[in-house]
Amino acid sequence: MITKELGERIKETRNKIGISQEKFALSIGMDRTYFASVEAGKRNISICNIKKIADGLGVSLSELFAGL
């Protein structure tokens, strides 16, 4: 399921840069509980929010989706 795979990729990338879920969500202007549900693969997230996350992680959309 793409939402689960994307959530895992986001979490993995966030952990690589060493920032907590709460601090990351705050830095991109997203509610922490919403962001947690994205990482858990429980949200059908909009492309606008995916772009916001990718920008916050410092990766392109193509990098975020590579191999999914």
Protein backbone atom coordinates (compact mmCIF):
# COMPACT_ATOMS: atom_id res chain seq x y z
CA MET A 1 0.00 0.00 0.00
CA ILE A 2 1.53 3.29 -1.14
CA THR A 3 0.47 5.29 1.95
CA LYS A 4 2.29 2.85 4.23
CA GLU A 5 5.41 2.76 2.03
CA LEU A 6 5.50 6.54 1.74
CA GLY A 7 5.05 6.93 5.51
CA GLU A 8 7.94 4.57 6.15
CA ARG A 9 10.14 6.48 3.66
CA ILE A 10 9.29 9.80 5.33
CA LYS A 11 10.05 8.41 8.80
CA GLU A 12 13.31 6.87 7.62
CA THR A 13 14.42 10.13 6.01
CA ARG A 14 13.41 12.18 9.05
CA ASN A 15 15.35 9.86 11.35
CA LYS A 16 18.44 10.21 9.12
CA ILE A 17 18.47 13.96 9.72
CA GLY A 18 18.00 13.36 13.45
CA ILE A 19 14.90 15.42 14.20
CA SER A 20 11.98 14.36 16.35
CA GLN A 21 8.56 13.93 14.87
CA GLU A 22 7.24 16.80 16.95
CA LYS A 23 10.02 19.25 16.02
CA PHE A 24 9.79 18.33 12.34
CA ALA A 25 6.01 18.77 12.22
CA LEU A 26 6.35 22.14 13.93
CA SER A 27 9.09 23.23 11.52
CA ILE A 28 6.87 22.60 8.48
CA GLY A 29 3.69 24.01 10.07
CA MET A 30 1.90 20.68 10.35
CA ASP A 31 0.03 19.29 13.34
CA ARG A 32 2.09 16.58 15.04
CA THR A 33 -0.79 14.10 15.28
CA TYR A 34 -1.55 14.55 11.59
CA PHE A 35 2.11 14.07 10.72
CA ALA A 36 2.30 10.97 12.94
CA SER A 37 -0.63 9.46 11.05
CA VAL A 38 1.15 10.20 7.75
CA GLU A 39 4.25 8.36 8.93
CA ALA A 40 2.07 5.48 10.10
CA GLY A 41 0.54 5.24 6.62
CA LYS A 42 -2.94 6.03 7.87
CA ARG A 43 -3.52 9.17 5.77
CA ASN A 44 -4.27 9.68 2.12
CA ILE A 45 -2.13 12.81 2.09
CA SER A 46 -2.45 15.58 -0.50
CA ILE A 47 0.34 16.38 -2.91
CA CYS A 48 0.65 19.84 -1.33
CA ASN A 49 1.42 18.29 2.06
CA ILE A 50 3.78 15.75 0.49
CA LYS A 51 5.68 18.66 -1.10
CA LYS A 52 5.79 20.47 2.26
CA ILE A 53 7.28 17.35 3.89
CA ALA A 54 9.79 16.79 1.07
CA ASP A 55 10.94 20.40 1.30
CA GLY A 56 11.30 20.09 5.08
CA LEU A 57 13.37 16.93 4.64
CA GLY A 58 15.51 18.60 1.99
CA VAL A 59 14.67 16.06 -0.72
CA SER A 60 12.86 16.27 -4.04
CA LEU A 61 9.53 14.62 -4.67
CA SER A 62 11.25 12.18 -7.03
CA GLU A 63 13.74 11.22 -4.31
CA LEU A 64 10.92 10.71 -1.82
CA PHE A 65 9.02 8.44 -4.21
CA ALA A 66 12.02 6.61 -5.74
CA GLY A 67 11.40 2.87 -5.77
CA LEU A 68 7.95 2.98 -4.17
